[in-house]
């Protein structure tokens, strides 16, 4: 999924859904890292995209927390 599409998807989610998505994505990243260490991945660049998605989710959560604290 491209970053713009992913960011649009994040905007439509609640904080609880973002936290759940973050947990799932971090689990996926850990699984990819483990598989990469034990065996060759079909697409090792997938680790990069999942890691960036984790960062995008963290950024969206932080942005919403800051918006709530200023309101």
PDB file of N, CA and C in Angstrom:
ATOM      1  N   UNK A   1       0.845  -1.161   0.000  1.00  0.00           N
ATOM      2  CA  UNK A   1       0.000   0.000   0.000  1.00  0.00           C
ATOM      3  C   UNK A   1       0.896   1.232   0.000  1.00  0.00           C
ATOM      4  N   UNK A   2       0.556   2.178  -0.831  1.00  0.00           N
ATOM      5  CA  UNK A   2       1.366   3.389  -0.911  1.00  0.00           C
ATOM      6  C   UNK A   2       1.135   4.259   0.312  1.00  0.00           C
ATOM      7  N   UNK A   3       2.102   5.125   0.573  1.00  0.00           N
ATOM      8  CA  UNK A   3       2.052   5.914   1.805  1.00  0.00           C
ATOM      9  C   UNK A   3       0.837   6.843   1.852  1.00  0.00           C
ATOM     10  N   UNK A   4       0.473   7.457   0.746  1.00  0.00           N
ATOM     11  CA  UNK A   4      -0.685   8.360   0.762  1.00  0.00           C
ATOM     12  C   UNK A   4      -1.956   7.588   1.073  1.00  0.00           C
ATOM     13  N   UNK A   5      -2.106   6.409   0.464  1.00  0.00           N
ATOM     14  CA  UNK A   5      -3.283   5.583   0.734  1.00  0.00           C
ATOM     15  C   UNK A   5      -3.294   5.140   2.191  1.00  0.00           C
ATOM     16  N   UNK A   6      -2.128   4.795   2.711  1.00  0.00           N
ATOM     17  CA  UNK A   6      -2.023   4.353   4.103  1.00  0.00           C
ATOM     18  C   UNK A   6      -2.378   5.493   5.043  1.00  0.00           C
ATOM     19  N   UNK A   7      -1.881   6.707   4.760  1.00  0.00           N
ATOM     20  CA  UNK A   7      -2.189   7.866   5.605  1.00  0.00           C
ATOM     21  C   UNK A   7      -3.672   8.203   5.578  1.00  0.00           C
ATOM     22  N   UNK A   8      -4.305   8.073   4.429  1.00  0.00           N
ATOM     23  CA  UNK A   8      -5.744   8.329   4.326  1.00  0.00           C
ATOM     24  C   UNK A   8      -6.498   7.298   5.170  1.00  0.00           C
ATOM     25  N   UNK A   9      -6.052   6.047   5.121  1.00  0.00           N
ATOM     26  CA  UNK A   9      -6.674   4.995   5.914  1.00  0.00           C
ATOM     27  C   UNK A   9      -6.530   5.297   7.402  1.00  0.00           C
ATOM     28  N   UNK A  10      -5.371   5.808   7.815  1.00  0.00           N
ATOM     29  CA  UNK A  10      -5.134   6.121   9.230  1.00  0.00           C
ATOM     30  C   UNK A  10      -6.039   7.245   9.710  1.00  0.00           C
ATOM     31  N   UNK A  11      -6.316   8.216   8.847  1.00  0.00           N
ATOM     32  CA  UNK A  11      -7.140   9.354   9.250  1.00  0.00           C
ATOM     33  C   UNK A  11      -8.554   8.933   9.617  1.00  0.00           C
ATOM     34  N   UNK A  12      -9.036   7.833   9.052  1.00  0.00           N
ATOM     35  CA  UNK A  12     -10.395   7.398   9.316  1.00  0.00           C
ATOM     36  C   UNK A  12     -10.548   6.514  10.537  1.00  0.00           C
ATOM     37  N   UNK A  13      -9.448   6.218  11.229  1.00  0.00           N
ATOM     38  CA  UNK A  13      -9.492   5.295  12.364  1.00  0.00           C
ATOM     39  C   UNK A  13      -9.503   6.045  13.695  1.00  0.00           C
ATOM     40  N   UNK A  14     -10.071   5.392  14.708  1.00  0.00           N
ATOM     41  CA  UNK A  14     -10.063   5.962  16.051  1.00  0.00           C
ATOM     42  C   UNK A  14      -8.738   5.622  16.736  1.00  0.00           C
ATOM     43  N   UNK A  15      -8.502   6.217  17.897  1.00  0.00           N
ATOM     44  CA  UNK A  15      -7.265   5.965  18.654  1.00  0.00           C
ATOM     45  C   UNK A  15      -7.160   4.484  19.020  1.00  0.00           C
ATOM     46  N   UNK A  16      -8.261   3.872  19.453  1.00  0.00           N
ATOM     47  CA  UNK A  16      -8.243   2.459  19.829  1.00  0.00           C
ATOM     48  C   UNK A  16      -7.890   1.587  18.632  1.00  0.00           C
ATOM     49  N   UNK A  17      -8.487   1.906  17.476  1.00  0.00           N
ATOM     50  CA  UNK A  17      -8.191   1.142  16.261  1.00  0.00           C
ATOM     51  C   UNK A  17      -6.733   1.335  15.843  1.00  0.00           C
ATOM     52  N   UNK A  18      -6.210   2.547  16.022  1.00  0.00           N
ATOM     53  CA  UNK A  18      -4.805   2.796  15.695  1.00  0.00           C
ATOM     54  C   UNK A  18      -3.884   1.987  16.604  1.00  0.00           C
ATOM     55  N   UNK A  19      -4.200   1.937  17.895  1.00  0.00           N
ATOM     56  CA  UNK A  19      -3.382   1.154  18.822  1.00  0.00           C
ATOM     57  C   UNK A  19      -3.418  -0.329  18.481  1.00  0.00           C
ATOM     58  N   UNK A  20      -4.596  -0.823  18.101  1.00  0.00           N
ATOM     59  CA  UNK A  20      -4.715  -2.226  17.701  1.00  0.00           C
ATOM     60  C   UNK A  20      -3.926  -2.491  16.421  1.00  0.00           C
ATOM     61  N   UNK A  21      -4.033  -1.570  15.471  1.00  0.00           N
ATOM     62  CA  UNK A  21      -3.296  -1.702  14.219  1.00  0.00           C
ATOM     63  C   UNK A  21      -1.788  -1.660  14.476  1.00  0.00           C
ATOM     64  N   UNK A  22      -1.370  -0.806  15.408  1.00  0.00           N
ATOM     65  CA  UNK A  22       0.043  -0.703  15.763  1.00  0.00           C
ATOM     66  C   UNK A  22       0.547  -2.021  16.333  1.00  0.00           C
ATOM     67  N   UNK A  23      -0.222  -2.620  17.220  1.00  0.00           N
ATOM     68  CA  UNK A  23       0.161  -3.901  17.818  1.00  0.00           C
ATOM     69  C   UNK A  23       0.298  -4.977  16.747  1.00  0.00           C
ATOM     70  N   UNK A  24      -0.684  -5.036  15.837  1.00  0.00           N
ATOM     71  CA  UNK A  24      -0.644  -6.034  14.767  1.00  0.00           C
ATOM     72  C   UNK A  24       0.543  -5.808  13.832  1.00  0.00           C
ATOM     73  N   UNK A  25       0.797  -4.562  13.489  1.00  0.00           N
ATOM     74  CA  UNK A  25       1.882  -4.246  12.563  1.00  0.00           C
ATOM     75  C   UNK A  25       3.238  -4.509  13.204  1.00  0.00           C
ATOM     76  N   UNK A  26       3.381  -4.214  14.499  1.00  0.00           N
ATOM     77  CA  UNK A  26       4.636  -4.510  15.185  1.00  0.00           C
ATOM     78  C   UNK A  26       4.861  -6.020  15.259  1.00  0.00           C
ATOM     79  N   UNK A  27       3.801  -6.773  15.464  1.00  0.00           N
ATOM     80  CA  UNK A  27       3.914  -8.234  15.459  1.00  0.00           C
ATOM     81  C   UNK A  27       4.341  -8.759  14.105  1.00  0.00           C
ATOM     82  N   UNK A  28       3.771  -8.176  13.056  1.00  0.00           N
ATOM     83  CA  UNK A  28       4.145  -8.559  11.697  1.00  0.00           C
ATOM     84  C   UNK A  28       5.616  -8.238  11.430  1.00  0.00           C
ATOM     85  N   UNK A  29       6.060  -7.073  11.900  1.00  0.00           N
ATOM     86  CA  UNK A  29       7.455  -6.676  11.719  1.00  0.00           C
ATOM     87  C   UNK A  29       8.390  -7.631  12.454  1.00  0.00           C
ATOM     88  N   UNK A  30       8.047  -7.983  13.684  1.00  0.00           N
ATOM     89  CA  UNK A  30       8.872  -8.918  14.448  1.00  0.00           C
ATOM     90  C   UNK A  30       8.948 -10.283  13.765  1.00  0.00           C
ATOM     91  N   UNK A  31       7.811 -10.725  13.219  1.00  0.00           N
ATOM     92  CA  UNK A  31       7.783 -12.008  12.520  1.00  0.00           C
ATOM     93  C   UNK A  31       8.664 -11.961  11.267  1.00  0.00           C
ATOM     94  N   UNK A  32       8.584 -10.862  10.526  1.00  0.00           N
ATOM     95  CA  UNK A  32       9.415 -10.712   9.333  1.00  0.00           C
ATOM     96  C   UNK A  32      10.899 -10.702   9.686  1.00  0.00           C
ATOM     97  N   UNK A  33      11.243  -9.987  10.760  1.00  0.00           N
ATOM     98  CA  UNK A  33      12.647  -9.934  11.183  1.00  0.00           C
ATOM     99  C   UNK A  33      13.161 -11.317  11.573  1.00  0.00           C
ATOM    100  N   UNK A  34      12.341 -12.063  12.303  1.00  0.00           N
ATOM    101  CA  UNK A  34      12.741 -13.393  12.730  1.00  0.00           C
ATOM    102  C   UNK A  34      12.915 -14.319  11.523  1.00  0.00           C
ATOM    103  N   UNK A  35      11.967 -14.255  10.602  1.00  0.00           N
ATOM    104  CA  UNK A  35      12.064 -15.086   9.408  1.00  0.00           C
ATOM    105  C   UNK A  35      13.283 -14.706   8.568  1.00  0.00           C
ATOM    106  N   UNK A  36      13.599 -13.430   8.550  1.00  0.00           N
ATOM    107  CA  UNK A  36      14.749 -12.963   7.778  1.00  0.00           C
ATOM    108  C   UNK A  36      16.057 -13.469   8.381  1.00  0.00           C
ATOM    109  N   UNK A  37      16.106 -13.575   9.696  1.00  0.00           N
ATOM    110  CA  UNK A  37      17.318 -14.073  10.354  1.00  0.00           C
ATOM    111  C   UNK A  37      17.480 -15.582  10.185  1.00  0.00           C
ATOM    112  N   UNK A  38      16.366 -16.306  10.174  1.00  0.00           N
ATOM    113  CA  UNK A  38      16.451 -17.762  10.093  1.00  0.00           C
ATOM    114  C   UNK A  38      16.454 -18.293   8.666  1.00  0.00           C
ATOM    115  N   UNK A  39      15.822 -17.593   7.764  1.00  0.00           N
ATOM    116  CA  UNK A  39      15.742 -18.044   6.377  1.00  0.00           C
ATOM    117  C   UNK A  39      15.658 -16.828   5.461  1.00  0.00           C
ATOM    118  N   UNK A  40      15.801 -17.073   4.207  1.00  0.00           N
ATOM    119  CA  UNK A  40      15.757 -15.985   3.234  1.00  0.00           C
ATOM    120  C   UNK A  40      14.306 -15.604   2.954  1.00  0.00           C
ATOM    121  N   UNK A  41      14.040 -14.310   3.019  1.00  0.00           N
ATOM    122  CA  UNK A  41      12.697 -13.821   2.692  1.00  0.00           C
ATOM    123  C   UNK A  41      12.553 -13.686   1.191  1.00  0.00           C
ATOM    124  N   UNK A  42      11.320 -13.833   0.718  1.00  0.00           N
ATOM    125  CA  UNK A  42      11.057 -13.654  -0.704  1.00  0.00           C
ATOM    126  C   UNK A  42      11.290 -12.196  -1.098  1.00  0.00           C
ATOM    127  N   UNK A  43      10.859 -11.280  -0.230  1.00  0.00           N
ATOM    128  CA  UNK A  43      11.026  -9.860  -0.505  1.00  0.00           C
ATOM    129  C   UNK A  43      11.522  -9.165   0.763  1.00  0.00           C
ATOM    130  N   UNK A  44      12.846  -9.044   0.935  1.00  0.00           N
ATOM    131  CA  UNK A  44      13.371  -8.425   2.160  1.00  0.00           C
ATOM    132  C   UNK A  44      13.032  -6.941   2.291  1.00  0.00           C
ATOM    133  N   UNK A  45      12.662  -6.295   1.201  1.00  0.00           N
ATOM    134  CA  UNK A  45      12.285  -4.876   1.277  1.00  0.00           C
ATOM    135  C   UNK A  45      10.945  -4.688   1.979  1.00  0.00           C
ATOM    136  N   UNK A  46      10.225  -5.778   2.168  1.00  0.00           N
ATOM    137  CA  UNK A  46       8.952  -5.697   2.881  1.00  0.00           C
ATOM    138  C   UNK A  46       9.181  -5.255   4.329  1.00  0.00           C
ATOM    139  N   UNK A  47      10.332  -5.628   4.902  1.00  0.00           N
ATOM    140  CA  UNK A  47      10.665  -5.203   6.263  1.00  0.00           C
ATOM    141  C   UNK A  47      10.687  -3.684   6.335  1.00  0.00           C
ATOM    142  N   UNK A  48      11.263  -3.052   5.333  1.00  0.00           N
ATOM    143  CA  UNK A  48      11.346  -1.587   5.304  1.00  0.00           C
ATOM    144  C   UNK A  48       9.960  -0.958   5.265  1.00  0.00           C
ATOM    145  N   UNK A  49       9.101  -1.471   4.411  1.00  0.00           N
ATOM    146  CA  UNK A  49       7.772  -0.869   4.291  1.00  0.00           C
ATOM    147  C   UNK A  49       6.953  -1.067   5.568  1.00  0.00           C
ATOM    148  N   UNK A  50       7.064  -2.230   6.195  1.00  0.00           N
ATOM    149  CA  UNK A  50       6.319  -2.472   7.445  1.00  0.00           C
ATOM    150  C   UNK A  50       6.867  -1.579   8.554  1.00  0.00           C
ATOM    151  N   UNK A  51       8.194  -1.427   8.612  1.00  0.00           N
ATOM    152  CA  UNK A  51       8.803  -0.558   9.626  1.00  0.00           C
ATOM    153  C   UNK A  51       8.335   0.884   9.441  1.00  0.00           C
ATOM    154  N   UNK A  52       8.245   1.314   8.205  1.00  0.00           N
ATOM    155  CA  UNK A  52       7.765   2.679   7.935  1.00  0.00           C
ATOM    156  C   UNK A  52       6.291   2.831   8.279  1.00  0.00           C
ATOM    157  N   UNK A  53       5.510   1.781   8.059  1.00  0.00           N
ATOM    158  CA  UNK A  53       4.096   1.836   8.444  1.00  0.00           C
ATOM    159  C   UNK A  53       3.944   1.950   9.951  1.00  0.00           C
ATOM    160  N   UNK A  54       4.797   1.249  10.702  1.00  0.00           N
ATOM    161  CA  UNK A  54       4.781   1.366  12.163  1.00  0.00           C
ATOM    162  C   UNK A  54       5.059   2.816  12.552  1.00  0.00           C
ATOM    163  N   UNK A  55       6.023   3.428  11.903  1.00  0.00           N
ATOM    164  CA  UNK A  55       6.349   4.829  12.200  1.00  0.00           C
ATOM    165  C   UNK A  55       5.197   5.759  11.839  1.00  0.00           C
ATOM    166  N   UNK A  56       4.519   5.477  10.736  1.00  0.00           N
ATOM    167  CA  UNK A  56       3.376   6.309  10.340  1.00  0.00           C
ATOM    168  C   UNK A  56       2.259   6.213  11.376  1.00  0.00           C
ATOM    169  N   UNK A  57       2.031   5.026  11.891  1.00  0.00           N
ATOM    170  CA  UNK A  57       0.991   4.849  12.908  1.00  0.00           C
ATOM    171  C   UNK A  57       1.383   5.594  14.186  1.00  0.00           C
ATOM    172  N   UNK A  58       2.646   5.461  14.599  1.00  0.00           N
ATOM    173  CA  UNK A  58       3.122   6.196  15.778  1.00  0.00           C
ATOM    174  C   UNK A  58       2.934   7.703  15.592  1.00  0.00           C
ATOM    175  N   UNK A  59       3.250   8.197  14.408  1.00  0.00           N
ATOM    176  CA  UNK A  59       3.122   9.625  14.123  1.00  0.00           C
ATOM    177  C   UNK A  59       1.672  10.073  14.217  1.00  0.00           C
ATOM    178  N   UNK A  60       0.762   9.288  13.674  1.00  0.00           N
ATOM    179  CA  UNK A  60      -0.659   9.641  13.716  1.00  0.00           C
ATOM    180  C   UNK A  60      -1.183   9.643  15.155  1.00  0.00           C
ATOM    181  N   UNK A  61      -0.775   8.668  15.951  1.00  0.00           N
ATOM    182  CA  UNK A  61      -1.203   8.618  17.350  1.00  0.00           C
ATOM    183  C   UNK A  61      -0.686   9.842  18.101  1.00  0.00           C
ATOM    184  N   UNK A  62       0.583  10.179  17.906  1.00  0.00           N
ATOM    185  CA  UNK A  62       1.185  11.336  18.587  1.00  0.00           C
ATOM    186  C   UNK A  62       0.491  12.629  18.160  1.00  0.00           C
ATOM    187  N   UNK A  63       0.190  12.746  16.861  1.00  0.00           N
ATOM    188  CA  UNK A  63      -0.487  13.944  16.352  1.00  0.00           C
ATOM    189  C   UNK A  63      -1.844  14.128  17.022  1.00  0.00           C
ATOM    190  N   UNK A  64      -2.577  13.027  17.173  1.00  0.00           N
ATOM    191  CA  UNK A  64      -3.897  13.115  17.807  1.00  0.00           C
ATOM    192  C   UNK A  64      -3.785  13.430  19.292  1.00  0.00           C
ATOM    193  N   UNK A  65      -2.769  12.872  19.957  1.00  0.00           N
ATOM    194  CA  UNK A  65      -2.571  13.182  21.370  1.00  0.00           C
ATOM    195  C   UNK A  65      -2.273  14.679  21.556  1.00  0.00           C
ATOM    196  N   UNK A  66      -1.466  15.234  20.678  1.00  0.00           N
ATOM    197  CA  UNK A  66      -1.152  16.664  20.763  1.00  0.00           C
ATOM    198  C   UNK A  66      -2.374  17.515  20.472  1.00  0.00           C
ATOM    199  N   UNK A  67      -3.202  17.091  19.536  1.00  0.00           N
ATOM    200  CA  UNK A  67      -4.424  17.836  19.236  1.00  0.00           C
ATOM    201  C   UNK A  67      -5.382  17.814  20.421  1.00  0.00           C
ATOM    202  N   UNK A  68      -5.477  16.690  21.107  1.00  0.00           N
ATOM    203  CA  UNK A  68      -6.363  16.598  22.263  1.00  0.00           C
ATOM    204  C   UNK A  68      -5.845  17.438  23.422  1.00  0.00           C
ATOM    205  N   UNK A  69      -4.533  17.497  23.581  1.00  0.00           N
ATOM    206  CA  UNK A  69      -3.974  18.268  24.710  1.00  0.00           C
ATOM    207  C   UNK A  69      -4.117  19.770  24.473  1.00  0.00           C
ATOM    208  N   UNK A  70      -4.153  20.214  23.223  1.00  0.00           N
ATOM    209  CA  UNK A  70      -4.291  21.641  22.955  1.00  0.00           C
ATOM    210  C   UNK A  70      -5.749  22.076  22.994  1.00  0.00           C
ATOM    211  N   UNK A  71      -6.680  21.138  22.830  1.00  0.00           N
ATOM    212  CA  UNK A  71      -8.113  21.502  22.846  1.00  0.00           C
ATOM    213  C   UNK A  71      -8.666  21.511  24.226  1.00  0.00           C
TER     214      UNK A  71
END
